[in-house]
Amino acid sequence: MNTIIQRFDKIKSNITLAKPLKPVNIIAVSKTFPIEHILPLVDYGHLHYGENKVQEALAKWSEQKKRNQNLKLHMIGKLQSNKARDAVKIFDFIHSLDNQKLADTLAKHQMDINKSLDYFIQVNIGNEIQKSGIPVNELDPFYNYCVNEINLKVSGLMVIPPNDNKSDKYFKSLNELNKSLALEHLSMGMSADYMDAIKNGATFVRVGSSIFGSRS
């Protein structure tokens, strides 16, 4: 059996053992890997993939998505407003909605091509200067703006916690914020900490190296 499939099945069984309260979607983070490396998992029937560059996603996935309309592509990297139009074309989920200008641009392009995406608001949970995301104290008004003023479908919140080995604490906080907005989904956890994220209510985990191996 292909190594990628074995690793993927191991993650699935880890998740099952964690007994999550809601189903957990594994986003196989395929950024930087060539499509040939990813296809065994596509052929195996897995549908959710994560990319962090719009041009790379277009080049890699346009043909695949024509062939298989069930494939779901997730934008997990920082998205610039000038790339929003192409992002709306190729992606189904945007996990890095982090400012009003971007929200406005995405809403416009959605209307132009009559396509509805699912959005996660990226929260800067640790108030880190170098990191994107909506500060916690601005989350409520930003959420209300996105949903009520410009009709974006916000499915949940997303976080990349500070790199200080306290991710459990941040995941817990984000879960509470998510509940306060009565949102269905929660995007958090990567290869190193996805089990902690699931314990705290994650419904989408972004796992790359544990499936595809280390990036060159």
C-alpha atoms as a PDB file:
ATOM      1  CA  MET A   1       0.000   0.000   0.000  1.00  0.00           C
ATOM      2  CA  ASN A   2       1.146   3.544  -0.803  1.00  0.00           C
ATOM      3  CA  THR A   3       2.918   5.248   2.146  1.00  0.00           C
ATOM      4  CA  ILE A   4       0.749   8.372   1.821  1.00  0.00           C
ATOM      5  CA  ILE A   5      -2.413   6.253   2.147  1.00  0.00           C
ATOM      6  CA  GLN A   6      -0.986   4.438   5.182  1.00  0.00           C
ATOM      7  CA  ARG A   7      -0.149   7.743   6.897  1.00  0.00           C
ATOM      8  CA  PHE A   8      -3.564   9.147   6.037  1.00  0.00           C
ATOM      9  CA  ASP A   9      -5.337   6.075   7.463  1.00  0.00           C
ATOM     10  CA  LYS A  10      -3.251   6.354  10.646  1.00  0.00           C
ATOM     11  CA  ILE A  11      -4.439   9.961  11.147  1.00  0.00           C
ATOM     12  CA  LYS A  12      -8.030   8.894  10.528  1.00  0.00           C
ATOM     13  CA  SER A  13      -7.760   6.163  13.142  1.00  0.00           C
ATOM     14  CA  ASN A  14      -6.144   8.597  15.630  1.00  0.00           C
ATOM     15  CA  ILE A  15      -9.118  10.915  15.127  1.00  0.00           C
ATOM     16  CA  THR A  16     -11.614   8.075  15.628  1.00  0.00           C
ATOM     17  CA  LEU A  17      -9.872   7.109  18.886  1.00  0.00           C
ATOM     18  CA  ALA A  18     -10.264  10.709  20.107  1.00  0.00           C
ATOM     19  CA  LYS A  19     -14.077  10.257  19.926  1.00  0.00           C
ATOM     20  CA  PRO A  20     -14.841  13.764  18.610  1.00  0.00           C
ATOM     21  CA  LEU A  21     -18.331  15.136  19.271  1.00  0.00           C
ATOM     22  CA  LYS A  22     -18.691  16.266  15.637  1.00  0.00           C
ATOM     23  CA  PRO A  23     -17.273  14.747  12.428  1.00  0.00           C
ATOM     24  CA  VAL A  24     -13.724  15.969  11.686  1.00  0.00           C
ATOM     25  CA  ASN A  25     -12.629  16.859   8.143  1.00  0.00           C
ATOM     26  CA  ILE A  26      -8.967  16.304   7.336  1.00  0.00           C
ATOM     27  CA  ILE A  27      -7.601  18.966   5.010  1.00  0.00           C
ATOM     28  CA  ALA A  28      -4.608  17.301   3.352  1.00  0.00           C
ATOM     29  CA  VAL A  29      -2.230  20.253   2.997  1.00  0.00           C
ATOM     30  CA  SER A  30      -0.803  19.713  -0.478  1.00  0.00           C
ATOM     31  CA  LYS A  31       1.003  23.056  -0.904  1.00  0.00           C
ATOM     32  CA  THR A  32       4.412  22.759  -2.652  1.00  0.00           C
ATOM     33  CA  PHE A  33       3.835  19.078  -3.526  1.00  0.00           C
ATOM     34  CA  PRO A  34       3.405  18.254  -7.246  1.00  0.00           C
ATOM     35  CA  ILE A  35       0.030  16.848  -8.261  1.00  0.00           C
ATOM     36  CA  GLU A  36       1.613  13.444  -9.048  1.00  0.00           C
ATOM     37  CA  HIS A  37       2.569  13.148  -5.369  1.00  0.00           C
ATOM     38  CA  ILE A  38      -1.014  13.926  -4.277  1.00  0.00           C
ATOM     39  CA  LEU A  39      -2.984  11.829  -6.797  1.00  0.00           C
ATOM     40  CA  PRO A  40      -2.758   8.528  -4.853  1.00  0.00           C
ATOM     41  CA  LEU A  41      -4.805  10.185  -2.103  1.00  0.00           C
ATOM     42  CA  VAL A  42      -7.259  11.681  -4.622  1.00  0.00           C
ATOM     43  CA  ASP A  43      -7.664   8.244  -6.215  1.00  0.00           C
ATOM     44  CA  TYR A  44      -8.192   6.789  -2.741  1.00  0.00           C
ATOM     45  CA  GLY A  45     -11.270   9.010  -2.507  1.00  0.00           C
ATOM     46  CA  HIS A  46     -10.138  11.815  -0.197  1.00  0.00           C
ATOM     47  CA  LEU A  47     -11.739  15.142  -1.160  1.00  0.00           C
ATOM     48  CA  HIS A  48     -10.337  18.005   0.982  1.00  0.00           C
ATOM     49  CA  TYR A  49      -6.991  19.655   0.054  1.00  0.00           C
ATOM     50  CA  GLY A  50      -5.243  22.790   1.279  1.00  0.00           C
ATOM     51  CA  GLU A  51      -3.125  25.250  -0.686  1.00  0.00           C
ATOM     52  CA  ASN A  52      -1.655  28.587   0.339  1.00  0.00           C
ATOM     53  CA  LYS A  53      -0.870  30.189  -3.031  1.00  0.00           C
ATOM     54  CA  VAL A  54      -3.575  31.042  -5.557  1.00  0.00           C
ATOM     55  CA  GLN A  55      -1.454  30.591  -8.702  1.00  0.00           C
ATOM     56  CA  GLU A  56      -0.133  27.229  -7.540  1.00  0.00           C
ATOM     57  CA  ALA A  57      -3.679  26.078  -6.779  1.00  0.00           C
ATOM     58  CA  LEU A  58      -4.921  27.128 -10.239  1.00  0.00           C
ATOM     59  CA  ALA A  59      -2.062  25.349 -11.984  1.00  0.00           C
ATOM     60  CA  LYS A  60      -2.384  22.151  -9.950  1.00  0.00           C
ATOM     61  CA  TRP A  61      -6.095  21.741  -9.409  1.00  0.00           C
ATOM     62  CA  SER A  62      -8.017  23.277 -12.343  1.00  0.00           C
ATOM     63  CA  GLU A  63      -7.958  20.055 -14.404  1.00  0.00           C
ATOM     64  CA  GLN A  64      -8.556  17.816 -11.373  1.00  0.00           C
ATOM     65  CA  LYS A  65     -11.629  19.806 -10.339  1.00  0.00           C
ATOM     66  CA  LYS A  66     -13.075  19.551 -13.849  1.00  0.00           C
ATOM     67  CA  ARG A  67     -12.676  15.779 -13.613  1.00  0.00           C
ATOM     68  CA  ASN A  68     -13.975  15.435 -10.070  1.00  0.00           C
ATOM     69  CA  GLN A  69     -16.564  18.001  -9.025  1.00  0.00           C
ATOM     70  CA  ASN A  70     -16.596  16.669  -5.450  1.00  0.00           C
ATOM     71  CA  LEU A  71     -13.045  17.850  -4.736  1.00  0.00           C
ATOM     72  CA  LYS A  72     -12.955  20.677  -2.178  1.00  0.00           C
ATOM     73  CA  LEU A  73     -10.066  23.117  -2.189  1.00  0.00           C
ATOM     74  CA  HIS A  74      -9.176  25.149   0.898  1.00  0.00           C
ATOM     75  CA  MET A  75      -7.209  28.416   0.854  1.00  0.00           C
ATOM     76  CA  ILE A  76      -5.198  28.248   4.072  1.00  0.00           C
ATOM     77  CA  GLY A  77      -2.560  30.926   3.425  1.00  0.00           C
ATOM     78  CA  LYS A  78      -2.633  34.712   3.609  1.00  0.00           C
ATOM     79  CA  LEU A  79      -4.816  36.008   0.779  1.00  0.00           C
ATOM     80  CA  GLN A  80      -4.127  39.384  -0.842  1.00  0.00           C
ATOM     81  CA  SER A  81      -7.130  41.318  -2.191  1.00  0.00           C
ATOM     82  CA  ASN A  82      -5.590  41.450  -5.685  1.00  0.00           C
ATOM     83  CA  LYS A  83      -5.663  37.630  -5.824  1.00  0.00           C
ATOM     84  CA  ALA A  84      -9.242  37.365  -4.549  1.00  0.00           C
ATOM     85  CA  ARG A  85     -10.847  36.999  -7.969  1.00  0.00           C
ATOM     86  CA  ASP A  86      -8.793  33.935  -8.924  1.00  0.00           C
ATOM     87  CA  ALA A  87      -9.186  32.581  -5.391  1.00  0.00           C
ATOM     88  CA  VAL A  88     -12.991  32.660  -5.709  1.00  0.00           C
ATOM     89  CA  LYS A  89     -12.723  30.762  -9.012  1.00  0.00           C
ATOM     90  CA  ILE A  90     -10.638  27.834  -7.744  1.00  0.00           C
ATOM     91  CA  PHE A  91     -11.312  27.562  -3.979  1.00  0.00           C
ATOM     92  CA  ASP A  92     -14.377  26.304  -2.104  1.00  0.00           C
ATOM     93  CA  PHE A  93     -13.276  27.352   1.387  1.00  0.00           C
ATOM     94  CA  ILE A  94     -11.224  30.383   2.502  1.00  0.00           C
ATOM     95  CA  HIS A  95      -9.677  29.926   5.953  1.00  0.00           C
ATOM     96  CA  SER A  96      -7.834  33.250   6.124  1.00  0.00           C
ATOM     97  CA  LEU A  97     -10.497  35.974   6.020  1.00  0.00           C
ATOM     98  CA  ASP A  98      -8.706  38.620   8.048  1.00  0.00           C
ATOM     99  CA  ASN A  99      -9.733  42.155   7.053  1.00  0.00           C
ATOM    100  CA  GLN A 100     -12.644  44.182   5.689  1.00  0.00           C
ATOM    101  CA  LYS A 101     -11.048  45.115   2.370  1.00  0.00           C
ATOM    102  CA  LEU A 102     -10.530  41.431   1.586  1.00  0.00           C
ATOM    103  CA  ALA A 103     -14.087  40.602   2.692  1.00  0.00           C
ATOM    104  CA  ASP A 104     -15.531  43.298   0.398  1.00  0.00           C
ATOM    105  CA  THR A 105     -13.447  42.123  -2.559  1.00  0.00           C
ATOM    106  CA  LEU A 106     -14.381  38.470  -2.079  1.00  0.00           C
ATOM    107  CA  ALA A 107     -18.086  39.355  -1.775  1.00  0.00           C
ATOM    108  CA  LYS A 108     -17.935  41.270  -5.073  1.00  0.00           C
ATOM    109  CA  HIS A 109     -16.187  38.451  -6.986  1.00  0.00           C
ATOM    110  CA  GLN A 110     -18.581  35.860  -5.557  1.00  0.00           C
ATOM    111  CA  MET A 111     -21.496  37.836  -6.956  1.00  0.00           C
ATOM    112  CA  ASP A 112     -19.763  38.339 -10.309  1.00  0.00           C
ATOM    113  CA  ILE A 113     -19.382  34.615 -10.949  1.00  0.00           C
ATOM    114  CA  ASN A 114     -22.415  33.478  -8.921  1.00  0.00           C
ATOM    115  CA  LYS A 115     -20.510  31.147  -6.618  1.00  0.00           C
ATOM    116  CA  SER A 116     -20.864  30.855  -2.848  1.00  0.00           C
ATOM    117  CA  LEU A 117     -17.806  29.929  -0.783  1.00  0.00           C
ATOM    118  CA  ASP A 118     -17.471  28.956   2.866  1.00  0.00           C
ATOM    119  CA  TYR A 119     -15.381  31.321   4.999  1.00  0.00           C
ATOM    120  CA  PHE A 120     -13.441  31.057   8.224  1.00  0.00           C
ATOM    121  CA  ILE A 121     -12.492  34.258  10.014  1.00  0.00           C
ATOM    122  CA  GLN A 122      -8.856  34.115  11.068  1.00  0.00           C
ATOM    123  CA  VAL A 123      -8.536  35.260  14.680  1.00  0.00           C
ATOM    124  CA  ASN A 124      -5.277  36.652  16.054  1.00  0.00           C
ATOM    125  CA  ILE A 125      -5.796  34.894  19.370  1.00  0.00           C
ATOM    126  CA  GLY A 126      -2.413  35.816  20.871  1.00  0.00           C
ATOM    127  CA  ASN A 127      -2.444  39.452  19.643  1.00  0.00           C
ATOM    128  CA  GLU A 128       0.836  38.847  17.814  1.00  0.00           C
ATOM    129  CA  ILE A 129       2.037  41.857  15.863  1.00  0.00           C
ATOM    130  CA  GLN A 130       3.593  39.748  13.093  1.00  0.00           C
ATOM    131  CA  LYS A 131       0.487  37.623  12.539  1.00  0.00           C
ATOM    132  CA  SER A 132      -2.629  38.222  10.444  1.00  0.00           C
ATOM    133  CA  GLY A 133      -6.075  37.911  11.889  1.00  0.00           C
ATOM    134  CA  ILE A 134      -8.878  39.839  13.521  1.00  0.00           C
ATOM    135  CA  PRO A 135      -8.140  40.857  17.120  1.00  0.00           C
ATOM    136  CA  VAL A 136     -10.511  39.190  19.593  1.00  0.00           C
ATOM    137  CA  ASN A 137     -12.075  42.522  20.629  1.00  0.00           C
ATOM    138  CA  GLU A 138     -12.997  43.292  16.988  1.00  0.00           C
ATOM    139  CA  LEU A 139     -14.387  39.859  16.149  1.00  0.00           C
ATOM    140  CA  ASP A 140     -18.097  40.491  16.831  1.00  0.00           C
ATOM    141  CA  PRO A 141     -18.439  43.605  14.648  1.00  0.00           C
ATOM    142  CA  PHE A 142     -16.352  42.038  11.858  1.00  0.00           C
ATOM    143  CA  TYR A 143     -18.451  38.865  11.907  1.00  0.00           C
ATOM    144  CA  ASN A 144     -21.693  40.878  11.845  1.00  0.00           C
ATOM    145  CA  TYR A 145     -20.401  42.972   8.949  1.00  0.00           C
ATOM    146  CA  CYS A 146     -19.430  39.915   6.885  1.00  0.00           C
ATOM    147  CA  VAL A 147     -22.695  38.071   7.473  1.00  0.00           C
ATOM    148  CA  ASN A 148     -25.286  40.847   7.608  1.00  0.00           C
ATOM    149  CA  GLU A 149     -23.847  43.579   5.389  1.00  0.00           C
ATOM    150  CA  ILE A 150     -22.125  41.678   2.576  1.00  0.00           C
ATOM    151  CA  ASN A 151     -23.726  38.205   2.827  1.00  0.00           C
ATOM    152  CA  LEU A 152     -20.634  36.062   3.230  1.00  0.00           C
ATOM    153  CA  LYS A 153     -21.244  32.526   4.476  1.00  0.00           C
ATOM    154  CA  VAL A 154     -19.060  32.405   7.593  1.00  0.00           C
ATOM    155  CA  SER A 155     -18.876  28.776   8.727  1.00  0.00           C
ATOM    156  CA  GLY A 156     -16.484  29.221  11.612  1.00  0.00           C
ATOM    157  CA  LEU A 157     -13.279  30.658  13.025  1.00  0.00           C
ATOM    158  CA  MET A 158      -9.676  29.737  12.263  1.00  0.00           C
ATOM    159  CA  VAL A 159      -6.524  30.112  14.318  1.00  0.00           C
ATOM    160  CA  ILE A 160      -2.784  29.580  14.027  1.00  0.00           C
ATOM    161  CA  PRO A 161      -1.811  29.741  17.714  1.00  0.00           C
ATOM    162  CA  PRO A 162       1.396  31.359  18.992  1.00  0.00           C
ATOM    163  CA  ASN A 163       4.373  29.030  18.857  1.00  0.00           C
ATOM    164  CA  ASP A 164       4.791  28.748  22.633  1.00  0.00           C
ATOM    165  CA  ASN A 165       3.664  25.143  23.338  1.00  0.00           C
ATOM    166  CA  LYS A 166       0.400  26.373  24.847  1.00  0.00           C
ATOM    167  CA  SER A 167      -1.763  25.640  21.826  1.00  0.00           C
ATOM    168  CA  ASP A 168      -4.268  23.787  24.021  1.00  0.00           C
ATOM    169  CA  LYS A 169      -5.098  27.031  25.854  1.00  0.00           C
ATOM    170  CA  TYR A 170      -5.591  28.951  22.581  1.00  0.00           C
ATOM    171  CA  PHE A 171      -7.713  26.183  21.051  1.00  0.00           C
ATOM    172  CA  LYS A 172      -9.970  26.276  24.104  1.00  0.00           C
ATOM    173  CA  SER A 173     -10.358  30.069  23.796  1.00  0.00           C
ATOM    174  CA  LEU A 174     -11.187  29.848  20.098  1.00  0.00           C
ATOM    175  CA  ASN A 175     -13.775  27.145  20.745  1.00  0.00           C
ATOM    176  CA  GLU A 176     -15.472  29.445  23.267  1.00  0.00           C
ATOM    177  CA  LEU A 177     -15.472  32.344  20.784  1.00  0.00           C
ATOM    178  CA  ASN A 178     -16.872  30.033  18.100  1.00  0.00           C
ATOM    179  CA  LYS A 179     -19.695  28.955  20.423  1.00  0.00           C
ATOM    180  CA  SER A 180     -20.459  32.572  21.331  1.00  0.00           C
ATOM    181  CA  LEU A 181     -21.180  33.212  17.635  1.00  0.00           C
ATOM    182  CA  ALA A 182     -23.068  29.878  17.323  1.00  0.00           C
ATOM    183  CA  LEU A 183     -20.855  28.810  14.404  1.00  0.00           C
ATOM    184  CA  GLU A 184     -20.898  25.253  13.153  1.00  0.00           C
ATOM    185  CA  HIS A 185     -17.257  24.691  12.206  1.00  0.00           C
ATOM    186  CA  LEU A 186     -13.839  25.343  13.681  1.00  0.00           C
ATOM    187  CA  SER A 187     -10.580  25.282  11.700  1.00  0.00           C
ATOM    188  CA  MET A 188      -7.551  24.620  13.894  1.00  0.00           C
ATOM    189  CA  GLY A 189      -4.758  22.130  14.406  1.00  0.00           C
ATOM    190  CA  MET A 190      -1.905  20.967  12.184  1.00  0.00           C
ATOM    191  CA  SER A 191       0.364  17.910  12.038  1.00  0.00           C
ATOM    192  CA  ALA A 192       1.918  18.593  15.447  1.00  0.00           C
ATOM    193  CA  ASP A 193      -1.211  19.495  17.439  1.00  0.00           C
ATOM    194  CA  TYR A 194      -4.308  18.271  15.611  1.00  0.00           C
ATOM    195  CA  MET A 195      -5.240  15.894  18.452  1.00  0.00           C
ATOM    196  CA  ASP A 196      -5.318  18.809  20.926  1.00  0.00           C
ATOM    197  CA  ALA A 197      -7.405  20.778  18.438  1.00  0.00           C
ATOM    198  CA  ILE A 198      -9.938  17.953  18.084  1.00  0.00           C
ATOM    199  CA  LYS A 199     -10.219  17.663  21.855  1.00  0.00           C
ATOM    200  CA  ASN A 200     -11.213  21.351  21.806  1.00  0.00           C
ATOM    201  CA  GLY A 201     -13.860  21.068  19.114  1.00  0.00           C
ATOM    202  CA  ALA A 202     -12.007  21.381  15.780  1.00  0.00           C
ATOM    203  CA  THR A 203     -14.049  20.171  12.800  1.00  0.00           C
ATOM    204  CA  PHE A 204     -11.368  20.950  10.171  1.00  0.00           C
ATOM    205  CA  VAL A 205      -7.706  20.066  10.801  1.00  0.00           C
ATOM    206  CA  ARG A 206      -4.932  21.083   8.402  1.00  0.00           C
ATOM    207  CA  VAL A 207      -2.473  18.186   8.143  1.00  0.00           C
ATOM    208  CA  GLY A 208       0.357  18.191   5.590  1.00  0.00           C
ATOM    209  CA  SER A 209       3.728  16.693   6.494  1.00  0.00           C
ATOM    210  CA  SER A 210       2.172  13.823   8.492  1.00  0.00           C
ATOM    211  CA  ILE A 211       0.467  12.715   5.278  1.00  0.00           C
ATOM    212  CA  PHE A 212       2.740  13.746   2.405  1.00  0.00           C
ATOM    213  CA  GLY A 213       6.109  13.673   4.148  1.00  0.00           C
ATOM    214  CA  SER A 214       8.511  16.552   4.741  1.00  0.00           C
ATOM    215  CA  ARG A 215       8.696  19.374   2.214  1.00  0.00           C
ATOM    216  CA  SER A 216      11.957  19.785   0.348  1.00  0.00           C
END
